[in-house]
């Protein structure tokens, strides 16, 4: 069981997450990423350089990261292409947690293929790709990571704890200055048309197509991959699960595009 003393917050009657220390935990994720690629600090203009959060990296035990930071802090900010930024963050995640990082890569490639099959604009495709690359960044949270690593079926309370990750991930993407639509993918990729996803879909709210695409791509890669307590599925299982969830979990047009390339 997860130590309740590590959690600050709770869940409402619909299972939505409310955590009072979300910003602190999002900062911890950003810090982990900066330890791997401290040049990304230029994307964090709202964080004062004398903030304790930054001091921890500057004075940290990771000499290579600290050295990079000393070389870059105070210099003119490097201009990053948005797609390259997302890829750099994923490369940092691969160094921290290869399994998570490679999952992000696969989902991004799958989402891009789905989007191309739907003949959407290049601007939306860019958003889809970036959002898919970052969609599970909240799983770098130490509490969520500990739960996910468990090689068994999770009890209900720990399944709820995992629902924290889109909230934290959206905050991390926002801190790195990502486009609002990219942040939206990270925050909302577990929302469902039937209002049983998380965070809860509000009455009258529509899920944008860029979010719907990543939701399906993530589901497919989750089915095809090995996970604790569950073997990897095959193409037949993917189709069965998508058919079962079309209209409730998944958008019919996105599912149709996926089937066309599966």
C-alpha atoms as a PDB file:
ATOM      1  CA  UNK A   1       0.000   0.000   0.000  1.00  0.00           C
ATOM      2  CA  UNK A   2       1.120   3.560  -0.681  1.00  0.00           C
ATOM      3  CA  UNK A   3       2.118   5.534   2.399  1.00  0.00           C
ATOM      4  CA  UNK A   4      -0.701   8.071   2.930  1.00  0.00           C
ATOM      5  CA  UNK A   5       1.777  10.453   4.548  1.00  0.00           C
ATOM      6  CA  UNK A   6       3.361  10.987   1.122  1.00  0.00           C
ATOM      7  CA  UNK A   7       0.091  12.289  -0.294  1.00  0.00           C
ATOM      8  CA  UNK A   8      -1.196  15.822   0.223  1.00  0.00           C
ATOM      9  CA  UNK A   9      -4.740  16.089  -1.104  1.00  0.00           C
ATOM     10  CA  UNK A  10      -7.442  13.652  -2.124  1.00  0.00           C
ATOM     11  CA  UNK A  11     -10.229  12.758  -4.538  1.00  0.00           C
ATOM     12  CA  UNK A  12     -13.790  13.967  -4.927  1.00  0.00           C
ATOM     13  CA  UNK A  13     -16.843  11.736  -5.404  1.00  0.00           C
ATOM     14  CA  UNK A  14     -16.128  11.448  -9.141  1.00  0.00           C
ATOM     15  CA  UNK A  15     -12.525  10.425  -8.552  1.00  0.00           C
ATOM     16  CA  UNK A  16     -10.986  13.699  -9.708  1.00  0.00           C
ATOM     17  CA  UNK A  17      -7.647  14.521  -8.112  1.00  0.00           C
ATOM     18  CA  UNK A  18      -7.142  17.414  -5.736  1.00  0.00           C
ATOM     19  CA  UNK A  19      -3.589  17.745  -4.392  1.00  0.00           C
ATOM     20  CA  UNK A  20      -2.329  20.699  -2.409  1.00  0.00           C
ATOM     21  CA  UNK A  21       1.351  20.044  -3.185  1.00  0.00           C
ATOM     22  CA  UNK A  22       0.955  19.631  -6.961  1.00  0.00           C
ATOM     23  CA  UNK A  23       3.271  22.543  -7.789  1.00  0.00           C
ATOM     24  CA  UNK A  24       6.005  21.216  -5.519  1.00  0.00           C
ATOM     25  CA  UNK A  25       5.768  17.773  -7.081  1.00  0.00           C
ATOM     26  CA  UNK A  26       5.746  19.204 -10.610  1.00  0.00           C
ATOM     27  CA  UNK A  27       8.908  21.153  -9.726  1.00  0.00           C
ATOM     28  CA  UNK A  28      10.527  17.903  -8.617  1.00  0.00           C
ATOM     29  CA  UNK A  29       9.838  16.438 -12.070  1.00  0.00           C
ATOM     30  CA  UNK A  30      11.258  19.528 -13.780  1.00  0.00           C
ATOM     31  CA  UNK A  31      14.336  19.249 -11.586  1.00  0.00           C
ATOM     32  CA  UNK A  32      14.844  15.605 -12.607  1.00  0.00           C
ATOM     33  CA  UNK A  33      14.687  16.610 -16.270  1.00  0.00           C
ATOM     34  CA  UNK A  34      17.065  19.560 -15.797  1.00  0.00           C
ATOM     35  CA  UNK A  35      19.582  17.241 -14.177  1.00  0.00           C
ATOM     36  CA  UNK A  36      19.782  15.403 -17.495  1.00  0.00           C
ATOM     37  CA  UNK A  37      19.672  18.465 -19.794  1.00  0.00           C
ATOM     38  CA  UNK A  38      20.204  21.674 -17.862  1.00  0.00           C
ATOM     39  CA  UNK A  39      20.125  23.788 -21.033  1.00  0.00           C
ATOM     40  CA  UNK A  40      16.353  23.431 -20.878  1.00  0.00           C
ATOM     41  CA  UNK A  41      16.456  25.928 -18.010  1.00  0.00           C
ATOM     42  CA  UNK A  42      16.128  28.652 -20.643  1.00  0.00           C
ATOM     43  CA  UNK A  43      12.510  27.575 -21.048  1.00  0.00           C
ATOM     44  CA  UNK A  44      11.775  28.435 -17.419  1.00  0.00           C
ATOM     45  CA  UNK A  45      11.874  32.252 -17.320  1.00  0.00           C
ATOM     46  CA  UNK A  46       9.300  32.372 -14.535  1.00  0.00           C
ATOM     47  CA  UNK A  47      11.613  30.515 -12.139  1.00  0.00           C
ATOM     48  CA  UNK A  48      14.014  32.939 -10.387  1.00  0.00           C
ATOM     49  CA  UNK A  49      17.632  31.821 -10.704  1.00  0.00           C
ATOM     50  CA  UNK A  50      18.087  32.248  -6.951  1.00  0.00           C
ATOM     51  CA  UNK A  51      15.075  30.104  -6.193  1.00  0.00           C
ATOM     52  CA  UNK A  52      15.892  27.095  -3.988  1.00  0.00           C
ATOM     53  CA  UNK A  53      14.632  24.884  -6.790  1.00  0.00           C
ATOM     54  CA  UNK A  54      17.405  26.132  -9.096  1.00  0.00           C
ATOM     55  CA  UNK A  55      20.046  26.213  -6.357  1.00  0.00           C
ATOM     56  CA  UNK A  56      19.518  22.487  -5.856  1.00  0.00           C
ATOM     57  CA  UNK A  57      20.553  21.865  -9.445  1.00  0.00           C
ATOM     58  CA  UNK A  58      23.399  24.384  -9.414  1.00  0.00           C
ATOM     59  CA  UNK A  59      24.847  22.945  -6.214  1.00  0.00           C
ATOM     60  CA  UNK A  60      23.760  19.378  -6.792  1.00  0.00           C
ATOM     61  CA  UNK A  61      25.860  16.262  -6.591  1.00  0.00           C
ATOM     62  CA  UNK A  62      25.559  15.675 -10.351  1.00  0.00           C
ATOM     63  CA  UNK A  63      28.728  17.467 -11.433  1.00  0.00           C
ATOM     64  CA  UNK A  64      28.047  17.242 -15.163  1.00  0.00           C
ATOM     65  CA  UNK A  65      24.585  18.789 -14.802  1.00  0.00           C
ATOM     66  CA  UNK A  66      25.850  21.460 -12.436  1.00  0.00           C
ATOM     67  CA  UNK A  67      28.672  22.320 -14.812  1.00  0.00           C
ATOM     68  CA  UNK A  68      26.322  22.654 -17.764  1.00  0.00           C
ATOM     69  CA  UNK A  69      24.081  24.947 -15.766  1.00  0.00           C
ATOM     70  CA  UNK A  70      26.974  27.227 -14.754  1.00  0.00           C
ATOM     71  CA  UNK A  71      27.922  27.520 -18.414  1.00  0.00           C
ATOM     72  CA  UNK A  72      24.420  28.426 -19.553  1.00  0.00           C
ATOM     73  CA  UNK A  73      22.876  30.503 -16.776  1.00  0.00           C
ATOM     74  CA  UNK A  74      23.308  34.200 -17.490  1.00  0.00           C
ATOM     75  CA  UNK A  75      23.905  33.718 -21.210  1.00  0.00           C
ATOM     76  CA  UNK A  76      21.408  34.593 -23.905  1.00  0.00           C
ATOM     77  CA  UNK A  77      18.659  31.976 -24.196  1.00  0.00           C
ATOM     78  CA  UNK A  78      19.062  29.399 -26.927  1.00  0.00           C
ATOM     79  CA  UNK A  79      16.179  29.392 -29.399  1.00  0.00           C
ATOM     80  CA  UNK A  80      14.524  25.977 -29.367  1.00  0.00           C
ATOM     81  CA  UNK A  81      12.276  24.559 -32.052  1.00  0.00           C
ATOM     82  CA  UNK A  82       9.136  23.342 -30.188  1.00  0.00           C
ATOM     83  CA  UNK A  83       9.394  19.811 -31.587  1.00  0.00           C
ATOM     84  CA  UNK A  84      13.093  19.668 -30.702  1.00  0.00           C
ATOM     85  CA  UNK A  85      12.305  20.798 -27.168  1.00  0.00           C
ATOM     86  CA  UNK A  86       9.811  17.964 -26.734  1.00  0.00           C
ATOM     87  CA  UNK A  87      12.343  15.511 -28.102  1.00  0.00           C
ATOM     88  CA  UNK A  88      15.047  16.793 -25.746  1.00  0.00           C
ATOM     89  CA  UNK A  89      12.715  16.370 -22.791  1.00  0.00           C
ATOM     90  CA  UNK A  90      11.983  12.799 -23.893  1.00  0.00           C
ATOM     91  CA  UNK A  91      15.700  12.079 -24.217  1.00  0.00           C
ATOM     92  CA  UNK A  92      16.115  13.274 -20.636  1.00  0.00           C
ATOM     93  CA  UNK A  93      13.232  11.028 -19.578  1.00  0.00           C
ATOM     94  CA  UNK A  94      14.869   8.044 -21.309  1.00  0.00           C
ATOM     95  CA  UNK A  95      17.942   8.617 -19.141  1.00  0.00           C
ATOM     96  CA  UNK A  96      15.761   8.638 -16.024  1.00  0.00           C
ATOM     97  CA  UNK A  97      13.288   5.895 -16.947  1.00  0.00           C
ATOM     98  CA  UNK A  98      13.918   4.154 -20.281  1.00  0.00           C
ATOM     99  CA  UNK A  99      10.646   2.244 -20.260  1.00  0.00           C
ATOM    100  CA  UNK A 100       8.621   5.440 -19.896  1.00  0.00           C
ATOM    101  CA  UNK A 101      10.714   7.358 -22.417  1.00  0.00           C
ATOM    102  CA  UNK A 102      10.420   4.694 -25.114  1.00  0.00           C
ATOM    103  CA  UNK A 103       6.667   4.487 -24.485  1.00  0.00           C
ATOM    104  CA  UNK A 104       6.422   8.230 -25.126  1.00  0.00           C
ATOM    105  CA  UNK A 105       8.344   7.785 -28.379  1.00  0.00           C
ATOM    106  CA  UNK A 106       6.065   4.989 -29.581  1.00  0.00           C
ATOM    107  CA  UNK A 107       2.882   6.843 -28.706  1.00  0.00           C
ATOM    108  CA  UNK A 108       4.131   9.948 -30.519  1.00  0.00           C
ATOM    109  CA  UNK A 109       4.912   7.994 -33.687  1.00  0.00           C
ATOM    110  CA  UNK A 110       1.546   6.233 -33.520  1.00  0.00           C
ATOM    111  CA  UNK A 111      -0.329   9.502 -32.936  1.00  0.00           C
ATOM    112  CA  UNK A 112       1.432  11.111 -35.877  1.00  0.00           C
ATOM    113  CA  UNK A 113       0.392   8.236 -38.155  1.00  0.00           C
ATOM    114  CA  UNK A 114      -3.200   8.476 -36.956  1.00  0.00           C
ATOM    115  CA  UNK A 115      -3.271  12.224 -37.530  1.00  0.00           C
ATOM    116  CA  UNK A 116      -1.895  11.873 -41.034  1.00  0.00           C
ATOM    117  CA  UNK A 117      -4.636   9.361 -41.795  1.00  0.00           C
ATOM    118  CA  UNK A 118      -7.224  11.924 -40.733  1.00  0.00           C
ATOM    119  CA  UNK A 119      -5.830  14.548 -43.103  1.00  0.00           C
ATOM    120  CA  UNK A 120      -5.493  17.201 -40.410  1.00  0.00           C
ATOM    121  CA  UNK A 121      -3.359  20.316 -40.789  1.00  0.00           C
ATOM    122  CA  UNK A 122       0.395  20.319 -40.283  1.00  0.00           C
ATOM    123  CA  UNK A 123       0.005  22.715 -37.330  1.00  0.00           C
ATOM    124  CA  UNK A 124      -2.269  20.274 -35.512  1.00  0.00           C
ATOM    125  CA  UNK A 125       0.058  17.393 -36.391  1.00  0.00           C
ATOM    126  CA  UNK A 126       2.910  19.269 -34.704  1.00  0.00           C
ATOM    127  CA  UNK A 127       0.785  19.764 -31.604  1.00  0.00           C
ATOM    128  CA  UNK A 128      -0.239  16.090 -31.609  1.00  0.00           C
ATOM    129  CA  UNK A 129       3.368  14.938 -31.868  1.00  0.00           C
ATOM    130  CA  UNK A 130       4.637  17.249 -29.130  1.00  0.00           C
ATOM    131  CA  UNK A 131       1.762  16.436 -26.796  1.00  0.00           C
ATOM    132  CA  UNK A 132       2.166  12.702 -27.347  1.00  0.00           C
ATOM    133  CA  UNK A 133       5.888  12.945 -26.578  1.00  0.00           C
ATOM    134  CA  UNK A 134       5.081  14.547 -23.223  1.00  0.00           C
ATOM    135  CA  UNK A 135       1.715  12.985 -22.360  1.00  0.00           C
ATOM    136  CA  UNK A 136       2.979  10.800 -19.479  1.00  0.00           C
ATOM    137  CA  UNK A 137       5.715  13.088 -18.126  1.00  0.00           C
ATOM    138  CA  UNK A 138       3.744  13.229 -14.862  1.00  0.00           C
ATOM    139  CA  UNK A 139       4.675   9.587 -14.279  1.00  0.00           C
ATOM    140  CA  UNK A 140       8.152  10.773 -13.305  1.00  0.00           C
ATOM    141  CA  UNK A 141       6.549  11.730  -9.998  1.00  0.00           C
ATOM    142  CA  UNK A 142       8.140   9.514  -7.362  1.00  0.00           C
ATOM    143  CA  UNK A 143       4.843   8.377  -5.847  1.00  0.00           C
ATOM    144  CA  UNK A 144       3.270   7.497  -9.194  1.00  0.00           C
ATOM    145  CA  UNK A 145       6.474   5.798 -10.370  1.00  0.00           C
ATOM    146  CA  UNK A 146       6.608   3.605  -7.269  1.00  0.00           C
ATOM    147  CA  UNK A 147       3.039   2.456  -7.850  1.00  0.00           C
ATOM    148  CA  UNK A 148       3.483   1.749 -11.561  1.00  0.00           C
ATOM    149  CA  UNK A 149       6.548  -0.421 -10.923  1.00  0.00           C
ATOM    150  CA  UNK A 150       4.598  -2.855  -8.750  1.00  0.00           C
ATOM    151  CA  UNK A 151       4.462  -6.284 -10.476  1.00  0.00           C
ATOM    152  CA  UNK A 152       0.877  -7.003  -9.468  1.00  0.00           C
ATOM    153  CA  UNK A 153      -2.674  -5.795  -9.857  1.00  0.00           C
ATOM    154  CA  UNK A 154      -3.144  -2.545  -8.012  1.00  0.00           C
ATOM    155  CA  UNK A 155      -5.718  -2.023  -5.256  1.00  0.00           C
ATOM    156  CA  UNK A 156      -8.380   0.637  -5.945  1.00  0.00           C
ATOM    157  CA  UNK A 157      -6.711   3.342  -3.857  1.00  0.00           C
ATOM    158  CA  UNK A 158      -3.445   3.051  -5.774  1.00  0.00           C
ATOM    159  CA  UNK A 159      -5.260   3.090  -9.108  1.00  0.00           C
ATOM    160  CA  UNK A 160      -6.699   6.416  -8.001  1.00  0.00           C
ATOM    161  CA  UNK A 161      -3.253   7.677  -7.073  1.00  0.00           C
ATOM    162  CA  UNK A 162      -2.095   7.174 -10.653  1.00  0.00           C
ATOM    163  CA  UNK A 163      -4.761   9.668 -11.712  1.00  0.00           C
ATOM    164  CA  UNK A 164      -2.471  12.374 -10.385  1.00  0.00           C
ATOM    165  CA  UNK A 165      -0.102  12.055 -13.345  1.00  0.00           C
ATOM    166  CA  UNK A 166      -2.017  14.143 -15.938  1.00  0.00           C
ATOM    167  CA  UNK A 167      -2.381  16.973 -13.422  1.00  0.00           C
ATOM    168  CA  UNK A 168       1.335  16.961 -12.651  1.00  0.00           C
ATOM    169  CA  UNK A 169       2.294  16.427 -16.292  1.00  0.00           C
ATOM    170  CA  UNK A 170       0.224  19.368 -17.462  1.00  0.00           C
ATOM    171  CA  UNK A 171       1.930  21.567 -14.898  1.00  0.00           C
ATOM    172  CA  UNK A 172       5.363  20.368 -16.029  1.00  0.00           C
ATOM    173  CA  UNK A 173       4.552  21.048 -19.702  1.00  0.00           C
ATOM    174  CA  UNK A 174       3.316  24.501 -18.759  1.00  0.00           C
ATOM    175  CA  UNK A 175       6.468  25.244 -16.768  1.00  0.00           C
ATOM    176  CA  UNK A 176       8.521  24.370 -19.832  1.00  0.00           C
ATOM    177  CA  UNK A 177       6.524  26.918 -21.809  1.00  0.00           C
ATOM    178  CA  UNK A 178       4.762  24.467 -24.107  1.00  0.00           C
ATOM    179  CA  UNK A 179       1.882  25.582 -26.335  1.00  0.00           C
ATOM    180  CA  UNK A 180      -1.515  25.536 -24.540  1.00  0.00           C
ATOM    181  CA  UNK A 181      -2.775  22.820 -26.893  1.00  0.00           C
ATOM    182  CA  UNK A 182       0.230  20.659 -26.006  1.00  0.00           C
ATOM    183  CA  UNK A 183      -0.454  21.228 -22.309  1.00  0.00           C
ATOM    184  CA  UNK A 184      -4.074  20.285 -22.986  1.00  0.00           C
ATOM    185  CA  UNK A 185      -3.020  16.916 -24.411  1.00  0.00           C
ATOM    186  CA  UNK A 186      -0.868  16.168 -21.374  1.00  0.00           C
ATOM    187  CA  UNK A 187      -3.587  17.218 -18.928  1.00  0.00           C
ATOM    188  CA  UNK A 188      -6.614  15.710 -20.678  1.00  0.00           C
ATOM    189  CA  UNK A 189      -5.549  12.549 -22.535  1.00  0.00           C
ATOM    190  CA  UNK A 190      -7.495  10.396 -20.059  1.00  0.00           C
ATOM    191  CA  UNK A 191     -10.769  12.278 -20.489  1.00  0.00           C
ATOM    192  CA  UNK A 192     -13.569  10.245 -22.048  1.00  0.00           C
ATOM    193  CA  UNK A 193     -16.719  11.149 -23.997  1.00  0.00           C
ATOM    194  CA  UNK A 194     -18.843   9.154 -21.505  1.00  0.00           C
ATOM    195  CA  UNK A 195     -17.598  11.327 -18.583  1.00  0.00           C
ATOM    196  CA  UNK A 196     -15.927   8.350 -16.846  1.00  0.00           C
ATOM    197  CA  UNK A 197     -12.339   9.353 -17.566  1.00  0.00           C
ATOM    198  CA  UNK A 198     -10.138  11.717 -15.597  1.00  0.00           C
ATOM    199  CA  UNK A 199     -10.050  14.593 -15.037  1.00  0.00           C
ATOM    200  CA  UNK A 200     -13.847  14.584 -15.305  1.00  0.00           C
ATOM    201  CA  UNK A 201     -15.322  15.921 -18.554  1.00  0.00           C
ATOM    202  CA  UNK A 202     -17.570  18.852 -17.725  1.00  0.00           C
ATOM    203  CA  UNK A 203     -21.105  19.103 -19.098  1.00  0.00           C
ATOM    204  CA  UNK A 204     -21.017  20.626 -22.564  1.00  0.00           C
ATOM    205  CA  UNK A 205     -17.236  20.242 -22.821  1.00  0.00           C
ATOM    206  CA  UNK A 206     -15.858  18.780 -26.032  1.00  0.00           C
ATOM    207  CA  UNK A 207     -12.548  16.951 -26.239  1.00  0.00           C
ATOM    208  CA  UNK A 208     -10.407  18.506 -29.017  1.00  0.00           C
ATOM    209  CA  UNK A 209      -9.214  16.286 -31.852  1.00  0.00           C
ATOM    210  CA  UNK A 210      -5.541  16.616 -30.870  1.00  0.00           C
ATOM    211  CA  UNK A 211      -6.368  15.160 -27.453  1.00  0.00           C
ATOM    212  CA  UNK A 212      -8.595  12.410 -28.892  1.00  0.00           C
ATOM    213  CA  UNK A 213      -5.815  11.237 -31.205  1.00  0.00           C
ATOM    214  CA  UNK A 214      -3.299  10.856 -28.397  1.00  0.00           C
ATOM    215  CA  UNK A 215      -5.857   9.046 -26.240  1.00  0.00           C
ATOM    216  CA  UNK A 216      -6.221   6.316 -28.872  1.00  0.00           C
ATOM    217  CA  UNK A 217      -2.488   6.141 -29.616  1.00  0.00           C
ATOM    218  CA  UNK A 218      -1.737   5.763 -25.898  1.00  0.00           C
ATOM    219  CA  UNK A 219      -4.345   3.030 -25.506  1.00  0.00           C
ATOM    220  CA  UNK A 220      -2.945   1.074 -28.451  1.00  0.00           C
ATOM    221  CA  UNK A 221       0.626   1.210 -27.193  1.00  0.00           C
ATOM    222  CA  UNK A 222      -0.506   0.260 -23.691  1.00  0.00           C
ATOM    223  CA  UNK A 223      -2.264  -2.824 -25.061  1.00  0.00           C
ATOM    224  CA  UNK A 224       0.716  -3.842 -27.209  1.00  0.00           C
ATOM    225  CA  UNK A 225       3.288  -3.357 -24.448  1.00  0.00           C
ATOM    226  CA  UNK A 226       4.171  -5.558 -21.486  1.00  0.00           C
ATOM    227  CA  UNK A 227       2.933  -4.131 -18.198  1.00  0.00           C
ATOM    228  CA  UNK A 228       3.104  -5.374 -14.601  1.00  0.00           C
ATOM    229  CA  UNK A 229       0.473  -8.062 -14.113  1.00  0.00           C
ATOM    230  CA  UNK A 230      -0.474  -8.169 -17.809  1.00  0.00           C
ATOM    231  CA  UNK A 231       1.041  -9.644 -20.948  1.00  0.00           C
ATOM    232  CA  UNK A 232       1.370  -7.728 -24.181  1.00  0.00           C
ATOM    233  CA  UNK A 233      -1.622  -7.938 -26.489  1.00  0.00           C
ATOM    234  CA  UNK A 234      -1.714  -8.386 -30.247  1.00  0.00           C
ATOM    235  CA  UNK A 235      -3.450  -6.678 -33.180  1.00  0.00           C
ATOM    236  CA  UNK A 236      -6.635  -8.665 -32.626  1.00  0.00           C
ATOM    237  CA  UNK A 237      -6.839  -7.523 -29.019  1.00  0.00           C
ATOM    238  CA  UNK A 238      -6.200  -3.913 -30.013  1.00  0.00           C
ATOM    239  CA  UNK A 239      -9.098  -4.010 -32.473  1.00  0.00           C
ATOM    240  CA  UNK A 240     -11.368  -5.717 -29.941  1.00  0.00           C
ATOM    241  CA  UNK A 241     -10.576  -3.148 -27.240  1.00  0.00           C
ATOM    242  CA  UNK A 242     -11.047  -0.221 -29.614  1.00  0.00           C
ATOM    243  CA  UNK A 243     -14.355  -1.582 -30.886  1.00  0.00           C
ATOM    244  CA  UNK A 244     -15.533  -2.079 -27.313  1.00  0.00           C
ATOM    245  CA  UNK A 245     -14.608   1.471 -26.327  1.00  0.00           C
ATOM    246  CA  UNK A 246     -15.611   3.381 -29.463  1.00  0.00           C
ATOM    247  CA  UNK A 247     -18.036   6.155 -28.556  1.00  0.00           C
ATOM    248  CA  UNK A 248     -17.441   5.800 -24.816  1.00  0.00           C
ATOM    249  CA  UNK A 249     -13.661   5.792 -24.421  1.00  0.00           C
ATOM    250  CA  UNK A 250     -12.557   6.627 -27.950  1.00  0.00           C
ATOM    251  CA  UNK A 251     -13.562   8.879 -30.827  1.00  0.00           C
ATOM    252  CA  UNK A 252     -14.979   6.869 -33.794  1.00  0.00           C
ATOM    253  CA  UNK A 253     -13.118   8.900 -36.433  1.00  0.00           C
ATOM    254  CA  UNK A 254      -9.788   8.438 -34.652  1.00  0.00           C
ATOM    255  CA  UNK A 255     -10.418   4.706 -34.268  1.00  0.00           C
ATOM    256  CA  UNK A 256     -11.243   4.429 -37.963  1.00  0.00           C
ATOM    257  CA  UNK A 257      -7.975   6.136 -38.871  1.00  0.00           C
ATOM    258  CA  UNK A 258      -6.036   3.866 -36.537  1.00  0.00           C
ATOM    259  CA  UNK A 259      -7.571   0.731 -38.060  1.00  0.00           C
ATOM    260  CA  UNK A 260      -6.538   1.955 -41.490  1.00  0.00           C
ATOM    261  CA  UNK A 261      -2.844   1.864 -40.521  1.00  0.00           C
ATOM    262  CA  UNK A 262      -2.735  -0.930 -37.935  1.00  0.00           C
END
